[in-house]
Amino acid sequence: MKTLLDLFVSFFKIGLFGFGGGYAMISLIQNELNNHGWLSMEEFVNIIAVAEMTPGPIAINSGTYVGYKVSGLAGSVVATLAVVVPSFILVLLLSLFYDKVRRSDYIIKLLQYLRPILIALVLAAAVFVARTSIIDFNSVLIVLVVLFLLHKTKIHPVMVIILAGVSGALLYG
């Protein structure tokens, strides 16, 4: 029962403080997983990769996986609900005060100051994933080719993911 409570508290915090979407939440997720020792860093990077390729937000997908790994189906349900509940509550509260809140100078300034924080969180997550994923010349080559394809061509990101997966399988398989 304590493990389910730990899962709930951890993923509730992730859902509550995870402004900016999935990439900004990666640092929060990593911190919680490290604190509890639920996954190795290699497993964490794999979760991020799988969560990115599957439908749904990264935090929900990773919560579902971690919860299942730690406590089976019950853990999966608890972690998934915990990461969703804060957003549900905040949206419900904002809907009650929407007309007053959307024009508030305080809220507008708050959101302006949150943007740089989100950039830092996303960059911290990118550095972490890069340090654990870029392991040799081939992985550096894949990163460079993918960056080139995403920024200099009109190839759809899904196609780039498929090509990167195939190239990884050919190089490492």
Protein backbone atom coordinates (compact mmCIF):
# COMPACT_ATOMS: atom_id res chain seq x y z
CA MET A 1 0.00 0.00 0.00
CA LYS A 2 2.89 2.37 0.76
CA THR A 3 4.26 1.84 -2.75
CA LEU A 4 0.91 2.84 -4.28
CA LEU A 5 0.88 5.96 -2.10
CA ASP A 6 4.46 6.76 -3.13
CA LEU A 7 3.49 6.33 -6.79
CA PHE A 8 0.48 8.59 -6.33
CA VAL A 9 2.42 11.34 -4.55
CA SER A 10 5.30 11.24 -7.04
CA PHE A 11 3.15 11.38 -10.15
CA PHE A 12 0.78 13.90 -8.58
CA LYS A 13 3.78 16.22 -8.10
CA ILE A 14 4.80 15.62 -11.71
CA GLY A 15 1.29 16.47 -12.90
CA LEU A 16 1.04 19.51 -10.63
CA PHE A 17 4.39 21.11 -11.41
CA GLY A 18 4.90 19.86 -14.96
CA PHE A 19 4.26 23.11 -16.81
CA GLY A 20 5.18 23.18 -20.47
CA GLY A 21 4.30 19.69 -21.57
CA GLY A 22 6.14 16.41 -21.76
CA TYR A 23 9.67 17.57 -22.45
CA ALA A 24 9.59 19.99 -19.56
CA MET A 25 8.34 17.16 -17.33
CA ILE A 26 11.23 14.83 -18.17
CA SER A 27 13.45 16.39 -15.48
CA LEU A 28 10.69 16.05 -12.90
CA ILE A 29 10.03 12.44 -13.86
CA GLN A 30 13.74 11.64 -13.76
CA ASN A 31 14.10 13.19 -10.31
CA GLU A 32 11.19 11.20 -8.88
CA LEU A 33 12.43 7.94 -10.39
CA ASN A 34 15.92 8.57 -9.01
CA ASN A 35 14.57 9.35 -5.55
CA HIS A 36 12.69 6.06 -5.39
CA GLY A 37 15.06 3.89 -7.43
CA TRP A 38 12.18 2.57 -9.51
CA LEU A 39 14.10 2.43 -12.80
CA SER A 40 17.66 2.51 -14.06
CA MET A 41 18.67 5.48 -16.20
CA GLU A 42 18.81 3.25 -19.27
CA GLU A 43 15.22 2.12 -18.63
CA PHE A 44 14.21 5.75 -18.14
CA VAL A 45 15.67 6.81 -21.50
CA ASN A 46 13.89 3.87 -23.13
CA ILE A 47 10.60 4.96 -21.53
CA ILE A 48 11.04 8.47 -22.90
CA ALA A 49 11.69 7.06 -26.38
CA VAL A 50 8.66 4.75 -26.24
CA ALA A 51 6.45 7.41 -24.61
CA GLU A 52 7.37 9.82 -27.40
CA MET A 53 6.44 7.33 -30.12
CA THR A 54 3.14 6.20 -28.58
CA PRO A 55 -0.05 8.26 -28.55
CA GLY A 56 -0.59 10.42 -25.50
CA PRO A 57 1.46 12.71 -23.30
CA ILE A 58 4.91 11.61 -22.12
CA ALA A 59 4.03 12.02 -18.43
CA ILE A 60 0.93 9.83 -18.69
CA ASN A 61 2.67 7.15 -20.75
CA SER A 62 5.67 7.07 -18.43
CA GLY A 63 3.43 7.07 -15.35
CA THR A 64 1.48 4.15 -16.72
CA TYR A 65 4.66 2.19 -17.45
CA VAL A 66 6.42 2.99 -14.17
CA GLY A 67 3.29 2.24 -12.18
CA TYR A 68 2.91 -1.11 -13.90
CA LYS A 69 6.57 -2.00 -13.40
CA VAL A 70 6.48 -1.06 -9.71
CA SER A 71 3.04 -2.36 -8.66
CA GLY A 72 1.34 -4.07 -11.58
CA LEU A 73 -2.07 -3.01 -12.83
CA ALA A 74 -2.98 -1.17 -9.62
CA GLY A 75 0.25 0.85 -9.80
CA SER A 76 -0.41 1.64 -13.43
CA VAL A 77 -3.88 2.99 -12.68
CA VAL A 78 -2.70 4.95 -9.62
CA ALA A 79 0.24 6.61 -11.38
CA THR A 80 -1.83 7.47 -14.45
CA LEU A 81 -4.64 9.01 -12.40
CA ALA A 82 -2.16 10.87 -10.20
CA VAL A 83 -0.52 12.62 -13.14
CA VAL A 84 -3.91 13.61 -14.63
CA VAL A 85 -5.74 14.77 -11.48
CA PRO A 86 -3.82 18.05 -10.98
CA SER A 87 -4.51 19.19 -14.54
CA PHE A 88 -8.15 18.26 -14.20
CA ILE A 89 -8.49 20.27 -10.99
CA LEU A 90 -6.63 23.28 -12.41
CA VAL A 91 -8.70 23.34 -15.60
CA LEU A 92 -11.88 23.02 -13.57
CA LEU A 93 -10.87 25.94 -11.33
CA LEU A 94 -9.71 28.07 -14.26
CA SER A 95 -12.99 27.48 -16.06
CA LEU A 96 -14.83 28.99 -13.11
CA PHE A 97 -12.74 32.17 -13.24
CA TYR A 98 -11.79 32.22 -16.91
CA ASP A 99 -13.15 35.67 -17.77
CA LYS A 100 -11.30 37.31 -14.87
CA VAL A 101 -8.09 35.30 -15.23
CA ARG A 102 -7.47 35.61 -18.97
CA ARG A 103 -7.20 39.40 -18.83
CA SER A 104 -5.20 39.57 -15.61
CA ASP A 105 -1.87 41.39 -15.95
CA TYR A 106 -0.53 39.21 -13.15
CA ILE A 107 -1.32 35.99 -15.04
CA ILE A 108 0.11 37.37 -18.29
CA LYS A 109 3.37 38.33 -16.53
CA LEU A 110 3.50 34.98 -14.73
CA LEU A 111 3.25 33.11 -18.03
CA GLN A 112 5.93 35.33 -19.58
CA TYR A 113 8.32 34.45 -16.75
CA LEU A 114 7.52 30.75 -16.95
CA ARG A 115 8.65 30.50 -20.59
CA PRO A 116 12.41 30.76 -19.87
CA ILE A 117 12.04 28.19 -17.11
CA LEU A 118 10.41 25.82 -19.58
CA ILE A 119 13.29 26.28 -22.01
CA ALA A 120 15.75 25.40 -19.24
CA LEU A 121 13.75 22.29 -18.29
CA VAL A 122 13.58 21.10 -21.89
CA LEU A 123 17.30 21.71 -22.39
CA ALA A 124 18.13 19.87 -19.15
CA ALA A 125 16.08 16.90 -20.37
CA ALA A 126 17.79 17.02 -23.78
CA VAL A 127 21.24 17.04 -22.18
CA PHE A 128 20.32 14.10 -19.94
CA VAL A 129 18.93 12.04 -22.82
CA ALA A 130 21.92 12.94 -25.01
CA ARG A 131 24.43 11.87 -22.33
CA THR A 132 22.76 8.51 -21.91
CA SER A 133 21.90 7.90 -25.58
CA ILE A 134 24.84 9.15 -27.59
CA ILE A 135 27.26 6.31 -26.94
CA ASP A 136 29.43 6.04 -30.05
CA PHE A 137 30.13 7.46 -33.51
CA ASN A 138 27.06 5.78 -35.05
CA SER A 139 24.70 7.36 -32.53
CA VAL A 140 26.32 10.77 -33.12
CA LEU A 141 25.82 10.25 -36.84
CA ILE A 142 22.14 9.36 -36.35
CA VAL A 143 21.60 12.49 -34.23
CA LEU A 144 23.23 14.73 -36.82
CA VAL A 145 21.31 13.22 -39.73
CA VAL A 146 18.01 13.47 -37.85
CA LEU A 147 18.67 17.11 -36.91
CA PHE A 148 19.50 17.87 -40.54
CA LEU A 149 16.36 16.12 -41.82
CA LEU A 150 14.11 17.87 -39.30
CA HIS A 151 15.47 21.35 -39.90
CA LYS A 152 16.45 21.38 -43.58
CA THR A 153 13.88 19.16 -45.30
CA LYS A 154 10.14 18.79 -45.34
CA ILE A 155 10.19 15.13 -44.26
CA HIS A 156 7.47 14.43 -41.73
CA PRO A 157 8.79 13.77 -38.19
CA VAL A 158 7.08 10.36 -38.12
CA MET A 159 9.07 9.33 -41.19
CA VAL A 160 12.25 10.58 -39.52
CA ILE A 161 11.48 8.46 -36.44
CA ILE A 162 10.93 5.41 -38.64
CA LEU A 163 14.15 6.05 -40.59
CA ALA A 164 16.13 6.59 -37.37
CA GLY A 165 14.70 3.36 -35.91
CA VAL A 166 15.57 1.38 -39.05
CA SER A 167 19.07 2.85 -39.15
CA GLY A 168 19.57 2.05 -35.47
CA ALA A 169 18.40 -1.51 -36.04
CA LEU A 170 20.76 -1.89 -38.99
CA LEU A 171 23.73 -0.38 -37.15
CA TYR A 172 23.18 -2.11 -33.81
CA GLY A 173 21.01 -5.11 -34.67
